Structures are given as structure tokens and as C-alpha cells.
C-alpha atoms as a PDB file:
ATOM      1  CA  MET A   1       7.965   1.632   9.444  1.00  0.00           C
ATOM      2  CA  CYS A   2       4.664   0.270  10.639  1.00  0.00           C
ATOM      3  CA  PRO A   3       1.588   1.007   8.522  1.00  0.00           C
ATOM      4  CA  GLY A   4      -1.549   1.992  10.391  1.00  0.00           C
ATOM      5  CA  ASN A   5      -4.730  -0.038  10.748  1.00  0.00           C
ATOM      6  CA  ALA A   6      -6.791   1.966   8.304  1.00  0.00           C
ATOM      7  CA  LYS A   7      -7.708   0.066   5.203  1.00  0.00           C
ATOM      8  CA  ASN A   8      -6.870   2.580   2.468  1.00  0.00           C
ATOM      9  CA  GLY A   9      -4.666   2.972  -0.571  1.00  0.00           C
ATOM     10  CA  ARG A  10      -1.730   4.496   1.247  1.00  0.00           C
ATOM     11  CA  ASN A  11      -1.561   1.562   3.757  1.00  0.00           C
ATOM     12  CA  LEU A  12      -2.042  -0.954   0.931  1.00  0.00           C
ATOM     13  CA  CYS A  13       0.897   0.574  -0.880  1.00  0.00           C
ATOM     14  CA  ALA A  14       3.035   0.665   2.299  1.00  0.00           C
ATOM     15  CA  LEU A  15       2.303  -3.003   3.091  1.00  0.00           C
ATOM     16  CA  ARG A  16       3.371  -4.048  -0.447  1.00  0.00           C
ATOM     17  CA  TRP A  17       6.367  -1.735  -0.377  1.00  0.00           C
ATOM     18  CA  LEU A  18       7.590  -3.287   2.889  1.00  0.00           C
ATOM     19  CA  LYS A  19       6.983  -6.798   1.733  1.00  0.00           C
ATOM     20  CA  GLN A  20       8.287  -6.616  -1.789  1.00  0.00           C
ATOM     21  CA  THR A  21      10.638  -3.656  -2.107  1.00  0.00           C
ATOM     22  CA  LYS A  22      12.182  -2.478   1.182  1.00  0.00           C
ATOM     23  CA  ARG A  23      11.591  -4.993   3.964  1.00  0.00           C
ATOM     24  CA  SER A  24      13.105  -2.837   6.705  1.00  0.00           C
ATOM     25  CA  GLY A  25      12.309   0.548   5.191  1.00  0.00           C
ATOM     26  CA  THR A  26      11.714   3.622   7.269  1.00  0.00           C
ATOM     27  CA  THR A  27       8.752   5.988   7.310  1.00  0.00           C
ATOM     28  CA  ASP A  28      10.897   8.666   5.667  1.00  0.00           C
ATOM     29  CA  GLU A  29      11.965   6.226   2.910  1.00  0.00           C
ATOM     30  CA  PHE A  30       8.371   5.242   2.281  1.00  0.00           C
ATOM     31  CA  ASN A  31       7.196   8.861   2.236  1.00  0.00           C
ATOM     32  CA  ALA A  32       9.822   9.631  -0.343  1.00  0.00           C
ATOM     33  CA  PHE A  33       8.708   6.656  -2.445  1.00  0.00           C
ATOM     34  CA  TYR A  34       5.001   7.488  -2.056  1.00  0.00           C
ATOM     35  CA  GLY A  35       5.706  11.071  -3.055  1.00  0.00           C
ATOM     36  CA  THR A  36       6.964   9.934  -6.415  1.00  0.00           C
ATOM     37  CA  LEU A  37       3.778   8.029  -7.366  1.00  0.00           C
ATOM     38  CA  THR A  38       1.658   9.432 -10.144  1.00  0.00           C
ATOM     39  CA  SER A  39      -2.046  10.207  -9.658  1.00  0.00           C
ATOM     40  CA  ASP A  40      -2.824   7.141 -11.746  1.00  0.00           C
ATOM     41  CA  GLN A  41      -0.767   4.878  -9.435  1.00  0.00           C
ATOM     42  CA  LEU A  42      -2.378   6.446  -6.338  1.00  0.00           C
ATOM     43  CA  GLY A  43      -5.810   5.930  -7.884  1.00  0.00           C
ATOM     44  CA  LYS A  44      -5.055   2.254  -8.472  1.00  0.00           C
ATOM     45  CA  TYR A  45      -4.075   1.744  -4.825  1.00  0.00           C
ATOM     46  CA  ASN A  46      -7.126   3.643  -3.670  1.00  0.00           C
ATOM     47  CA  GLU A  47      -9.439   1.742  -5.941  1.00  0.00           C
ATOM     48  CA  GLU A  48      -8.008  -1.659  -5.043  1.00  0.00           C
ATOM     49  CA  ALA A  49      -8.169  -0.898  -1.328  1.00  0.00           C
ATOM     50  CA  LYS A  50     -11.852   0.189  -1.696  1.00  0.00           C
ATOM     51  CA  ASN A  51     -12.611  -3.040  -3.548  1.00  0.00           C
ATOM     52  CA  LEU A  52     -10.775  -5.229  -1.013  1.00  0.00           C
ATOM     53  CA  VAL A  53     -12.729  -3.598   1.844  1.00  0.00           C
ATOM     54  CA  SER A  54     -16.125  -3.823   0.079  1.00  0.00           C
ATOM     55  CA  ASN A  55     -15.531  -7.506  -0.748  1.00  0.00           C
ATOM     56  CA  ASP A  56     -14.289  -8.262   2.749  1.00  0.00           C
ATOM     57  CA  ALA A  57     -11.029  -9.446   1.191  1.00  0.00           C
ATOM     58  CA  TRP A  58      -8.550  -7.312   3.103  1.00  0.00           C
ATOM     59  CA  ASN A  59      -6.437  -9.938   4.850  1.00  0.00           C
ATOM     60  CA  LYS A  60      -2.857 -10.751   5.723  1.00  0.00           C
ATOM     61  CA  ASN A  61      -2.086 -11.475   2.113  1.00  0.00           C
ATOM     62  CA  VAL A  62      -2.844  -8.026   0.696  1.00  0.00           C
ATOM     63  CA  ASN A  63       0.885  -7.259   0.802  1.00  0.00           C
ATOM     64  CA  GLU A  64       1.470  -9.889  -1.896  1.00  0.00           C
ATOM     65  CA  GLY A  65      -0.403  -8.034  -4.642  1.00  0.00           C
ATOM     66  CA  GLN A  66       0.846  -5.865  -7.481  1.00  0.00           C
ATOM     67  CA  ILE A  67       3.060  -2.840  -6.940  1.00  0.00           C
ATOM     68  CA  TYR A  68       1.791  -0.057  -9.231  1.00  0.00           C
END
């Protein structure tokens, strides 16, 4: 699995999932995981991604943040 370049909640989640949960996970495995997230969890990823972008803080370390 290789997350895209877009700076959004889905990719933020994917980066953290790959780093902290399933290092060599596949796209299908991530899609299954992502499909189980609640609207609250999705909202947290989207809000954090939005804040990281607006604060110009999206960098190589975003994958080390919290998994919701």
C-alpha cells in the first residue's frame, strides 16, 4: 500500500496505520480497516489533517501521531 500525495484525513490515517499497525499492509487491508472507523474517528482524522495543512505542519513525522 502506498498512500497518495493528497494531504487529507484518509491519507493521514493510512500513513499512521502503515507505520504503527500494519507496516506491510495492503490496500485491501487498509480499506477494510478504514471501513470500520466511526464517523467520529473519520472526523478526527479530517480535522487533524486540515489543521496540519493550515499550520504548514504536514511533514514526514505525521505518521507518528495518534491512531483514532
